[in-house]
């Protein structure tokens, strides 16, 4: 027999307790404490406590996290990315010429002088800070449960949890990942394809310090990115690795013994930071493009990977999700303040218009970049070399690229500008 839900209807129910789901919930609740927000997470409360990976948080996303009250806590564990260099070479090339460099966020973005365009933040610290903030705000967090199904009518969405509980909500927000079951239940179709590549993620320890420099090497098999991490408690210098290879080769690398894997890693990483070693578990995931045809339905909205899954070549996947969170929170809070229905299509279509173009644009850009750079075709290699060199020598164009990487390219929701809703 199904358990009886609380009698009052909640304002928002978020399905998915990852970074985007949590940040959406916290952004709404922190901006409108009177609203009743519930978050349902399939994972147990301690599921991410052993996650040793880190994520690149763009400057604009950092401002949002500061506004909702967790950034200062995260900065104690974060590593600023002070510089980014881009190369285009073959794996066996003894020298990799630098064709493009990024540094501080340009002044026209109205940021403090010398602000890094991104920080590397440990995943477990990020999710821990978001959960702690949600609890401080008095939000109900339901761990180890799922949204099994839901029905919508003119006034509410009736959400049935796997545990048997039923909750009525004015707005159901799906943040349940790129293979979102709620998106499918809502009848929202996607445009998607497989890149026949996999991304290998791990942590690398190295002899010399990285000085906050990130590197992205465009190799024939796909981009090979190293991102700086803080020195750990053992005093080790470390970097996070995102290594793209064709699927068959990636599977062979994942199955290889530690010696073989490190040998392959060394041919790509090089010796600029001295001796290297793998300092964390290897994980691999398939790469593809997934774009939802619609972001909303009556009383239903998609955020994060449920709305869009893109190639990690530009490192913008999570930051796109933070933009979703900031935009949807602003629409919900402002609609509520006007005394209007937050689940009505007139409100939700504003969110969709705000986010759809930016998302499709980034999806197209990452798709083109991956197809352009993940090969060893001579004429394309020449075009790439000339193009990267021109960007590096054109300050205005280069500043536009940095602003985009920092998440400050214009038209941002208030939270991403560090402003209250």
Foldseek 3Di string as FASTA:
>chain_A
DFDEDDPDAAAEEEEALALLSLLLQLQQCLQPVVGAYEYEHQAAPCRCVPQQAWAKAFQLLLLLCVLSPQNVVQVVFKFFQAKEWEFADALQDPDTDTLAMDGDQDCVLVDPPSHGRIIITGRNSSSVSSVVSCVVSVHHYHYNKGFPAWDDDDAWIWTAIPVRYIHTYLAYEYAPAQVTPVCVRVVWDKDKDFPQKKKKKFKKWFQAAPNSYKYWYQYQQGIWIWGFGDQDPVRTGMTIIIDMGRNVVVVVLLVDDQVVVVVSVCSRVDQPRHDMGTDGHMDMDTFMWIATPFQADQRYGYAASNHIGADCSLSCRVVLRSQLSLLLSVLQNVCVVVVHRSRGPVSVVVSRVLRVVVRVVVRVVRVVVGVLRNRDDVVSSVVVSVVSNVCNVDVVSVSCSSCVSSVSNDSGHQSSVSHRD
